[in-house]
């Protein structure tokens, strides 16, 4: 039953899924959303990669502890009040930022953000995530996750487009 699905271990999710650009397709909570941002890919990447400055444009999240941004480095952050311990899986400037994370000791996630340049010089941003953990679906859903992703994309688009034309 999906309500009790705990998913692969966090280590396996990190090594065999996130580092290879995969989500846990069996996870009970999944989402994928995209937006075209009218700004160069470098500007969009800078906003995403400067995690310490997220609160300047992203009202729902802030980083509590951040070291070097490289695969297997950890960071701690909060999103909408929930504390999360994460580990970078993929850090490819102007292309991909992926990490795994754990919240409440048992909720595991893969967060993946990819960037690609459109033919007209804009940036396509895609945010994908899978979440698993026993009883997760009793208080969290794919629809709620998708709304969070759409909010993130809207805030990112606003920040990148404002600074792109200054």
Protein backbone atom coordinates (compact mmCIF):
# COMPACT_ATOMS: atom_id res chain seq x y z
CA UNK A 1 0.00 0.00 0.00
CA UNK A 2 1.26 3.46 -0.92
CA UNK A 3 0.36 4.84 2.52
CA UNK A 4 3.14 2.74 4.08
CA UNK A 5 5.66 3.10 1.23
CA UNK A 6 9.02 4.08 2.71
CA UNK A 7 10.96 3.91 -0.57
CA UNK A 8 14.63 3.04 -1.04
CA UNK A 9 17.15 4.02 1.61
CA UNK A 10 18.32 7.63 1.52
CA UNK A 11 21.78 6.44 0.45
CA UNK A 12 20.31 4.45 -2.45
CA UNK A 13 18.05 7.35 -3.47
CA UNK A 14 21.10 9.59 -3.52
CA UNK A 15 23.53 7.32 -5.37
CA UNK A 16 21.26 5.32 -7.69
CA UNK A 17 18.52 7.83 -8.41
CA UNK A 18 19.42 11.50 -7.81
CA UNK A 19 22.99 11.34 -9.13
CA UNK A 20 21.63 9.71 -12.31
CA UNK A 21 18.86 12.26 -12.85
CA UNK A 22 16.11 9.89 -11.70
CA UNK A 23 13.21 10.28 -9.31
CA UNK A 24 11.58 7.49 -7.32
CA UNK A 25 8.75 6.67 -9.72
CA UNK A 26 7.09 4.49 -7.04
CA UNK A 27 6.93 7.35 -4.54
CA UNK A 28 3.37 8.24 -3.52
CA UNK A 29 4.02 12.00 -3.87
CA UNK A 30 5.52 13.27 -7.14
CA UNK A 31 5.40 16.44 -9.19
CA UNK A 32 6.96 18.07 -12.23
CA UNK A 33 6.39 21.68 -13.28
CA UNK A 34 8.08 23.96 -15.81
CA UNK A 35 8.17 27.64 -16.66
CA UNK A 36 9.83 29.75 -19.30
CA UNK A 37 11.74 32.65 -17.77
CA UNK A 38 12.49 35.70 -19.91
CA UNK A 39 16.09 35.97 -18.69
CA UNK A 40 19.41 34.44 -19.68
CA UNK A 41 20.25 31.05 -18.23
CA UNK A 42 23.21 32.52 -16.30
CA UNK A 43 20.94 34.95 -14.42
CA UNK A 44 18.47 32.17 -13.50
CA UNK A 45 21.29 29.87 -12.37
CA UNK A 46 22.78 32.62 -10.22
CA UNK A 47 19.49 33.03 -8.34
CA UNK A 48 19.16 29.28 -7.74
CA UNK A 49 22.81 28.69 -6.85
CA UNK A 50 23.10 31.63 -4.44
CA UNK A 51 21.15 29.70 -1.83
CA UNK A 52 22.13 32.01 1.03
CA UNK A 53 20.24 34.79 -0.80
CA UNK A 54 17.07 32.78 -1.42
CA UNK A 55 15.07 34.87 1.08
CA UNK A 56 15.67 37.91 -1.19
CA UNK A 57 13.34 36.41 -3.79
CA UNK A 58 11.90 33.19 -2.33
CA UNK A 59 9.52 33.79 0.57
CA UNK A 60 8.96 30.12 1.45
CA UNK A 61 12.53 28.92 2.07
CA UNK A 62 15.84 29.84 3.64
CA UNK A 63 19.13 28.04 4.10
CA UNK A 64 20.27 27.54 7.69
CA UNK A 65 23.66 25.94 7.05
CA UNK A 66 25.55 25.82 3.75
CA UNK A 67 29.11 24.81 2.94
CA UNK A 68 30.58 24.18 -0.48
CA UNK A 69 28.07 23.54 -3.24
CA UNK A 70 29.32 20.25 -4.68
CA UNK A 71 28.10 16.65 -4.93
CA UNK A 72 27.89 14.88 -1.55
CA UNK A 73 28.14 18.16 0.42
CA UNK A 74 25.32 18.67 2.91
CA UNK A 75 23.20 21.69 3.74
CA UNK A 76 20.31 22.42 6.04
CA UNK A 77 17.34 24.52 5.13
CA UNK A 78 13.74 25.26 6.01
CA UNK A 79 10.77 25.40 3.71
CA UNK A 80 7.44 26.63 5.02
CA UNK A 81 8.69 25.94 8.56
CA UNK A 82 9.84 22.35 7.97
CA UNK A 83 13.52 21.64 8.70
CA UNK A 84 15.29 19.58 6.03
CA UNK A 85 18.77 18.07 5.90
CA UNK A 86 19.89 17.73 2.28
CA UNK A 87 22.85 16.48 0.29
CA UNK A 88 23.75 17.77 -3.17
CA UNK A 89 23.70 15.03 -5.81
CA UNK A 90 24.29 17.01 -9.02
CA UNK A 91 25.70 20.53 -9.31
CA UNK A 92 26.18 21.39 -12.99
CA UNK A 93 26.25 25.19 -13.39
CA UNK A 94 23.58 26.56 -15.72
CA UNK A 95 22.22 23.04 -16.27
CA UNK A 96 21.15 21.07 -13.17
CA UNK A 97 20.87 21.32 -9.40
CA UNK A 98 19.71 18.14 -7.66
CA UNK A 99 19.72 17.05 -4.06
CA UNK A 100 18.24 14.46 -1.73
CA UNK A 101 16.77 15.38 1.60
CA UNK A 102 15.13 14.07 4.72
CA UNK A 103 12.55 15.77 6.94
CA UNK A 104 11.06 14.59 10.22
CA UNK A 105 13.56 11.74 10.22
CA UNK A 106 11.63 9.62 7.73
CA UNK A 107 10.27 11.68 4.85
CA UNK A 108 12.74 11.32 1.95
CA UNK A 109 12.82 13.38 -1.21
CA UNK A 110 14.72 13.95 -4.42
CA UNK A 111 14.58 17.56 -5.64
CA UNK A 112 15.76 18.18 -9.20
CA UNK A 113 15.92 21.52 -11.04
CA UNK A 114 17.06 21.63 -14.65
CA UNK A 115 17.70 24.61 -16.89
CA UNK A 116 17.84 24.77 -20.66
CA UNK A 117 18.06 27.64 -23.08
CA UNK A 118 15.16 28.14 -25.46
CA UNK A 119 15.69 29.00 -29.13
CA UNK A 120 14.96 32.67 -28.41
CA UNK A 121 17.41 32.99 -25.50
CA UNK A 122 14.97 32.52 -22.65
CA UNK A 123 15.37 29.84 -19.96
CA UNK A 124 13.18 26.78 -19.46
CA UNK A 125 13.22 25.79 -15.78
CA UNK A 126 11.85 22.40 -14.75
CA UNK A 127 11.35 21.41 -11.12
CA UNK A 128 10.77 17.74 -10.34
CA UNK A 129 10.45 15.97 -7.02
CA UNK A 130 9.53 12.63 -5.54
CA UNK A 131 8.74 12.12 -1.86
CA UNK A 132 8.22 8.99 0.17
CA UNK A 133 7.76 7.99 3.79
CA UNK A 134 5.32 6.02 5.88
CA UNK A 135 1.99 7.82 6.29
CA UNK A 136 3.19 10.77 4.15
CA UNK A 137 0.01 10.74 2.07
CA UNK A 138 -2.10 11.34 5.18
CA UNK A 139 -0.83 14.93 5.35
CA UNK A 140 0.86 15.68 2.01
CA UNK A 141 -0.14 15.17 -1.63
CA UNK A 142 1.20 15.51 -5.15
CA UNK A 143 -1.18 18.44 -5.67
CA UNK A 144 0.27 20.27 -2.65
CA UNK A 145 3.81 19.57 -3.89
CA UNK A 146 2.92 20.85 -7.37
CA UNK A 147 1.50 24.06 -5.89
CA UNK A 148 4.79 24.60 -4.03
CA UNK A 149 6.73 24.06 -7.26
CA UNK A 150 4.51 26.47 -9.17
CA UNK A 151 4.96 29.06 -6.41
CA UNK A 152 8.76 28.58 -6.58
CA UNK A 153 8.76 28.96 -10.38
CA UNK A 154 6.61 32.10 -10.17
CA UNK A 155 8.95 33.68 -7.58
CA UNK A 156 12.04 32.68 -9.61
CA UNK A 157 10.53 34.04 -12.83
CA UNK A 158 9.65 37.35 -11.17
CA UNK A 159 13.11 37.77 -9.63
CA UNK A 160 15.02 36.79 -12.79
CA UNK A 161 12.91 38.93 -15.10
CA UNK A 162 13.12 41.97 -12.80
CA UNK A 163 16.90 41.77 -12.61
CA UNK A 164 17.33 40.78 -16.26
CA UNK A 165 15.95 44.08 -17.53
CA UNK A 166 17.49 46.50 -15.04
